[in-house]
Protein backbone atom coordinates (compact mmCIF):
# COMPACT_ATOMS: atom_id res chain seq x y z
CA MET A 1 7.74 -87.50 -78.49
CA LYS A 2 9.64 -86.83 -81.75
CA ALA A 3 11.29 -83.82 -80.14
CA ILE A 4 12.51 -85.95 -77.23
CA LEU A 5 13.90 -88.63 -79.58
CA PHE A 6 15.61 -85.93 -81.66
CA PHE A 7 17.17 -84.42 -78.52
CA ILE A 8 18.42 -87.85 -77.35
CA THR A 9 19.90 -88.54 -80.79
CA VAL A 10 21.69 -85.17 -80.89
CA MET A 11 23.08 -85.66 -77.37
CA THR A 12 24.27 -89.18 -78.20
CA VAL A 13 26.08 -87.98 -81.34
CA CYS A 14 27.64 -85.05 -79.45
CA CYS A 15 28.80 -87.29 -76.60
CA GLN A 16 30.27 -89.86 -79.01
CA SER A 17 32.03 -87.09 -80.92
CA TYR A 18 33.44 -85.68 -77.66
CA ALA A 19 34.64 -89.13 -76.55
CA GLN A 20 36.36 -89.72 -79.91
CA ASN A 21 37.93 -86.25 -80.06
CA ASN A 22 38.57 -85.75 -76.38
CA VAL A 23 41.63 -83.53 -76.60
CA PRO A 24 42.04 -81.41 -73.46
CA SER A 25 42.62 -77.67 -73.78
CA ALA A 26 46.17 -76.42 -74.31
CA ASP A 27 46.31 -75.22 -70.69
CA ILE A 28 45.28 -78.65 -69.37
CA GLN A 29 47.76 -80.40 -71.68
CA ILE A 30 50.57 -78.14 -70.46
CA LYS A 31 49.58 -78.61 -66.81
CA SER A 32 49.46 -82.40 -67.10
CA ALA A 33 52.61 -82.69 -69.26
CA LEU A 34 54.59 -80.82 -66.62
CA LEU A 35 53.73 -83.48 -64.02
CA ALA A 36 56.66 -85.46 -65.48
CA ALA A 37 59.17 -82.62 -65.00
CA PRO A 38 61.16 -81.95 -61.83
CA GLN A 39 59.26 -79.34 -59.77
CA GLU A 40 61.93 -76.64 -60.02
CA LYS A 41 62.03 -76.84 -63.84
CA ARG A 42 58.29 -76.80 -64.65
CA ASP A 43 57.91 -73.06 -65.22
CA SER A 44 60.40 -73.01 -68.11
CA CYS A 45 59.90 -76.24 -70.08
CA THR A 46 58.97 -76.37 -73.76
CA VAL A 47 55.71 -78.32 -74.14
CA TYR A 48 54.33 -80.14 -77.18
CA GLY A 49 50.80 -81.48 -77.35
CA TYR A 50 47.82 -81.83 -79.66
CA SER A 51 45.42 -79.58 -81.54
CA ALA A 52 41.66 -80.25 -81.49
CA ASP A 53 42.12 -82.40 -84.62
CA LYS A 54 44.90 -84.40 -82.87
CA GLN A 55 47.84 -82.90 -84.76
CA PHE A 56 51.14 -82.75 -82.84
CA ILE A 57 51.93 -79.06 -82.17
CA LEU A 58 54.03 -76.75 -80.03
CA LEU A 59 51.93 -75.57 -77.07
CA ARG A 60 54.55 -73.50 -75.25
CA LYS A 61 58.11 -72.43 -76.04
CA GLY A 62 60.32 -72.80 -72.99
CA THR A 63 63.66 -71.41 -71.90
CA ASN A 64 65.29 -74.33 -70.09
CA GLU A 65 66.79 -77.62 -71.28
CA LEU A 66 63.66 -79.80 -70.94
CA ILE A 67 61.07 -80.71 -73.58
CA CYS A 68 57.76 -82.12 -72.35
CA LEU A 69 55.11 -84.07 -74.24
CA ALA A 70 51.41 -84.01 -73.38
CA ASP A 71 49.35 -87.19 -73.31
CA ASP A 72 48.71 -88.62 -76.80
CA PRO A 73 44.92 -88.75 -77.30
CA ASN A 74 45.41 -91.53 -79.86
CA GLN A 75 46.90 -93.91 -77.27
CA ALA A 76 45.23 -95.79 -74.44
CA GLY A 77 46.13 -94.78 -70.90
CA PHE A 78 47.64 -91.53 -69.66
CA SER A 79 51.34 -90.94 -70.27
CA VAL A 80 53.34 -87.70 -70.31
CA ALA A 81 57.10 -87.28 -70.56
CA CYS A 82 59.86 -84.72 -70.23
CA TYR A 83 63.38 -85.18 -71.56
CA TYR A 84 66.69 -83.39 -72.02
CA LYS A 85 66.76 -81.34 -75.25
CA ASP A 86 69.64 -83.33 -76.79
CA LEU A 87 67.28 -86.34 -76.97
CA GLU A 88 64.90 -84.44 -79.31
CA PRO A 89 66.38 -85.76 -82.61
CA PHE A 90 66.01 -89.34 -81.30
CA MET A 91 62.48 -88.73 -79.97
CA LYS A 92 61.34 -86.82 -83.06
CA ARG A 93 62.60 -89.58 -85.35
CA GLY A 94 60.70 -92.15 -83.30
CA ARG A 95 57.48 -90.14 -83.72
CA GLU A 96 58.06 -89.88 -87.48
CA LEU A 97 58.64 -93.61 -87.86
CA ARG A 98 55.61 -94.44 -85.69
CA LYS A 99 53.48 -92.20 -87.91
CA GLN A 100 54.68 -94.29 -90.88
CA GLY A 101 53.17 -97.35 -89.18
CA MET A 102 56.35 -98.97 -87.85
CA ASN A 103 56.22 -101.14 -84.72
CA ASP A 104 58.65 -100.89 -81.79
CA GLN A 105 61.24 -103.30 -83.25
CA GLN A 106 61.16 -101.65 -86.67
CA ILE A 107 61.67 -98.24 -85.06
CA PHE A 108 64.56 -99.59 -82.97
CA ASP A 109 66.22 -101.07 -86.08
CA ALA A 110 65.67 -97.99 -88.27
CA ARG A 111 67.09 -95.59 -85.70
CA GLU A 112 70.02 -97.91 -85.02
CA LYS A 113 70.98 -97.84 -88.71
CA GLU A 114 70.71 -94.05 -88.75
CA VAL A 115 72.82 -93.66 -85.60
CA LYS A 116 75.50 -95.96 -87.04
CA ALA A 117 75.42 -94.03 -90.34
CA GLY A 118 75.81 -90.73 -88.45
CA SER A 119 72.52 -89.24 -89.70
CA LEU A 120 70.86 -89.45 -86.27
CA GLN A 121 72.74 -88.03 -83.31
CA MET A 122 72.46 -89.34 -79.76
CA PRO A 123 73.59 -87.25 -76.78
CA LYS A 124 77.30 -87.44 -76.03
CA GLN A 125 76.64 -87.24 -72.26
CA PRO A 126 74.00 -88.91 -70.04
CA ALA A 127 70.53 -87.47 -70.75
CA ALA A 128 67.42 -87.72 -68.56
CA LEU A 129 63.87 -88.74 -69.44
CA TYR A 130 60.98 -88.60 -66.96
CA VAL A 131 57.73 -90.46 -67.65
CA TYR A 132 54.54 -90.01 -65.61
CA SER A 133 51.68 -92.40 -66.31
CA ALA A 134 48.30 -93.53 -65.02
CA GLU A 135 45.19 -95.32 -66.20
CA ASP A 136 42.68 -93.42 -68.36
CA LYS A 137 40.12 -93.45 -65.56
CA ASP A 138 42.58 -91.64 -63.26
CA PHE A 139 43.09 -88.62 -65.57
CA ASP A 140 40.53 -85.80 -65.48
CA HIS A 141 40.51 -84.17 -68.95
CA THR A 142 38.77 -81.06 -67.65
CA THR A 143 41.07 -80.23 -64.71
CA GLY A 144 44.33 -81.99 -65.60
CA GLU A 145 44.33 -83.75 -62.23
CA VAL A 146 45.80 -87.26 -62.06
CA LYS A 147 45.16 -89.87 -59.37
CA ASN A 148 47.38 -92.89 -58.76
CA GLY A 149 50.11 -91.64 -61.12
CA TYR A 150 53.46 -93.37 -61.43
CA LEU A 151 56.76 -91.61 -62.21
CA ARG A 152 59.75 -93.49 -63.61
CA TYR A 153 63.18 -92.14 -64.41
CA VAL A 154 65.39 -92.99 -67.39
CA ILE A 155 68.95 -91.87 -68.11
CA TYR A 156 70.19 -92.47 -71.65
CA VAL A 157 73.84 -93.55 -71.81
CA PRO A 158 74.43 -94.74 -75.40
CA TYR A 159 76.43 -97.95 -75.73
CA ALA A 160 76.81 -98.41 -71.95
CA THR A 161 77.16 -101.98 -70.74
CA SER A 162 76.96 -103.74 -67.44
CA ALA A 163 80.76 -103.89 -67.44
CA SER A 164 81.10 -100.13 -68.05
CA THR A 165 78.52 -99.11 -65.43
CA GLY A 166 78.36 -101.90 -62.85
CA LEU A 167 74.59 -102.05 -63.31
CA PRO A 168 72.56 -105.24 -63.81
CA GLU A 169 70.80 -105.75 -67.14
CA LYS A 170 67.52 -106.80 -65.53
CA PRO A 171 65.38 -105.34 -62.74
CA SER A 172 66.50 -106.60 -59.37
CA GLY A 173 64.12 -108.47 -57.12
CA SER A 174 65.84 -106.88 -54.13
CA GLY A 175 63.53 -103.89 -53.97
CA LYS A 176 62.04 -100.92 -55.70
CA GLY A 177 64.24 -98.13 -56.97
CA MET A 178 67.22 -100.31 -57.88
CA PRO A 179 68.62 -98.94 -61.17
CA TRP A 180 69.24 -101.34 -64.03
CA LEU A 181 70.52 -101.05 -67.62
CA MET A 182 68.09 -101.64 -70.50
CA ASN A 183 69.23 -102.18 -74.12
CA ALA A 184 72.81 -102.54 -72.90
CA GLY A 185 75.51 -102.09 -75.54
CA THR A 186 73.15 -100.42 -78.03
CA TYR A 187 72.69 -96.83 -79.18
CA ARG A 188 69.69 -96.55 -76.87
CA ALA A 189 71.17 -98.04 -73.72
CA HIS A 190 69.50 -96.43 -70.72
CA ILE A 191 69.39 -96.70 -66.97
CA MET A 192 65.91 -97.47 -65.69
CA ILE A 193 64.89 -96.35 -62.19
CA ASN A 194 61.42 -97.47 -61.14
CA PRO A 195 60.70 -96.12 -57.65
């Protein structure tokens, strides 16, 4: 009886440890991160992800203009992204500020000051971001398969306004896929396209 209780205890501890440290293998992280990239670019993207102890690391050095991020095991839900390389200073700074404990508004304000001061550079031309997301239950950590995923498209156009683009500043009720401008007039103005 003691042997059975010991076995159950060991299995419970192992399962809890796995659930808390459930970081997929590098291959699975790369496979799932690339779901956000356009099909024809997937073979050559740089991919960042997480080590077994949840440290942010380079998983694969790419040769094209896209950088992809694996799902963050510290966040609820499944979300991967790929973006144009000129967005990396902006994205990297956001990760650094988040690690310092800042919330979304604090990060927005800090980066805005840095952009205005010239210490943080935003792309000079439109730059794409692709985000693929799903619920936790729809991501298989062992195979990298995702069910019921949702892809949205973002194009950063710093300081764009409704007047300079002709786009509305809110999602339109007229149907899916209608582009609209978020954060208009700011350093992080971007066109949202939600298919």
